[in-house]
Each structure stands twice: as structure tokens, then as C-alpha cells.
């Protein structure tokens, strides 16, 4: 489970936010009580082992779907379709 940070707190303590993302795992920043971004380390200590569930995929899949999004961005025939993770 990642720690929750309000936007202002994340701004004021950004160095600590980064340090905790590296050492403790993903950190979630909220605006008006709703998650808006997640800070995730790209290398070094504290990273989840390959295949270890840190909840990030579940977090992404929990986002609301936007009706009409495909029509909004247009046809993307050059994009390769991938199978969902875990199947």
C-alpha cells in the first residue's frame, strides 16, 4: 500500500517524497482527497521484484473508463494490441 500525500505536502516535502518512493515503494499524491498521480522509483533500492504485486496495476485498472475516448483520439491502427497482464 502506498503512502498518501496531499499536493501541497508533496510540494513542500518533495525530497522526502522521492526518498520514500525509492525506499518504500510507490507514493500517491491526492488533490481534494482523490488520487491524481503516483510517484514510482525507476531504479535502485526499494523496487518491487519482477512479478511482485505492488498494487500499481490494480490502481491503473481502477481508473474510470472514458466513454468515447477512442473516437476522441482517432484511429490508431499502427498500435499493436497486447494481451492483458496476468493472463
Protein backbone atom coordinates (compact mmCIF):
# COMPACT_ATOMS: atom_id res chain seq x y z
CA UNK A 1 0.00 0.00 0.00
CA UNK A 2 1.46 3.36 -0.95
CA UNK A 3 1.51 6.40 1.28
CA UNK A 4 -0.90 9.24 0.50
CA UNK A 5 0.33 12.81 0.14
CA UNK A 6 -1.76 15.94 -0.39
CA UNK A 7 -0.45 18.09 -3.26
CA UNK A 8 0.78 20.90 -1.02
CA UNK A 9 2.52 18.47 1.32
CA UNK A 10 4.13 16.70 -1.65
CA UNK A 11 5.41 20.05 -2.96
CA UNK A 12 6.77 21.11 0.42
CA UNK A 13 8.45 17.76 1.11
CA UNK A 14 9.34 16.68 -2.43
CA UNK A 15 12.79 15.35 -1.50
CA UNK A 16 11.22 13.15 1.18
CA UNK A 17 8.53 12.01 -1.28
CA UNK A 18 11.24 10.86 -3.70
CA UNK A 19 13.25 9.18 -0.96
CA UNK A 20 10.20 7.28 0.24
CA UNK A 21 9.30 6.22 -3.31
CA UNK A 22 12.81 4.78 -3.67
CA UNK A 23 12.93 3.09 -0.25
CA UNK A 24 9.30 2.20 0.49
CA UNK A 25 7.61 1.92 -2.90
CA UNK A 26 5.05 3.94 -4.87
CA UNK A 27 3.70 7.14 -3.27
CA UNK A 28 0.26 8.51 -4.21
CA UNK A 29 -0.47 12.24 -4.42
CA UNK A 30 -4.06 13.38 -3.90
CA UNK A 31 -5.94 16.54 -4.85
CA UNK A 32 -9.16 17.27 -2.98
CA UNK A 33 -8.95 13.79 -1.46
CA UNK A 34 -8.78 11.96 -4.80
CA UNK A 35 -5.64 10.22 -6.15
CA UNK A 36 -4.17 12.13 -9.10
CA UNK A 37 -0.60 10.82 -9.55
CA UNK A 38 1.69 8.11 -8.26
CA UNK A 39 5.43 8.60 -7.82
CA UNK A 40 7.35 5.41 -8.62
CA UNK A 41 11.12 4.87 -8.46
CA UNK A 42 12.77 3.90 -11.74
CA UNK A 43 15.80 2.14 -10.27
CA UNK A 44 17.75 1.36 -7.16
CA UNK A 45 16.67 0.20 -3.74
CA UNK A 46 13.09 -0.40 -2.74
CA UNK A 47 11.84 -1.55 -6.11
CA UNK A 48 9.47 -4.44 -6.22
CA UNK A 49 10.97 -7.66 -7.51
CA UNK A 50 9.85 -8.59 -11.03
CA UNK A 51 6.43 -10.18 -10.81
CA UNK A 52 5.77 -8.89 -7.28
CA UNK A 53 2.38 -7.20 -6.94
CA UNK A 54 2.80 -3.69 -5.54
CA UNK A 55 -0.80 -2.71 -6.36
CA UNK A 56 0.10 -0.41 -9.25
CA UNK A 57 -1.68 -2.43 -11.95
CA UNK A 58 -4.78 -2.63 -9.76
CA UNK A 59 -4.56 1.15 -9.24
CA UNK A 60 -4.44 1.75 -13.01
CA UNK A 61 -7.28 -0.66 -13.69
CA UNK A 62 -9.43 1.06 -11.06
CA UNK A 63 -9.48 4.32 -13.06
CA UNK A 64 -12.85 5.16 -14.59
CA UNK A 65 -13.26 4.42 -18.27
CA UNK A 66 -13.89 7.39 -20.54
CA UNK A 67 -16.76 6.76 -22.95
CA UNK A 68 -15.93 7.87 -26.47
CA UNK A 69 -12.17 8.05 -25.79
CA UNK A 70 -11.28 6.02 -28.90
CA UNK A 71 -13.26 8.43 -31.07
CA UNK A 72 -11.61 11.38 -29.34
CA UNK A 73 -8.05 10.25 -30.16
CA UNK A 74 -8.91 8.79 -33.57
CA UNK A 75 -7.91 5.54 -35.22
CA UNK A 76 -4.56 4.15 -34.11
CA UNK A 77 -4.13 1.23 -36.49
CA UNK A 78 -0.33 1.23 -36.07
CA UNK A 79 -0.60 0.42 -32.35
CA UNK A 80 -0.01 -3.25 -31.56
CA UNK A 81 -2.67 -4.80 -29.33
CA UNK A 82 -1.24 -6.58 -26.27
CA UNK A 83 -2.78 -9.24 -24.05
CA UNK A 84 -3.67 -8.03 -20.54
CA UNK A 85 -1.12 -8.73 -17.81
CA UNK A 86 -1.57 -11.88 -15.78
CA UNK A 87 -3.25 -13.93 -18.47
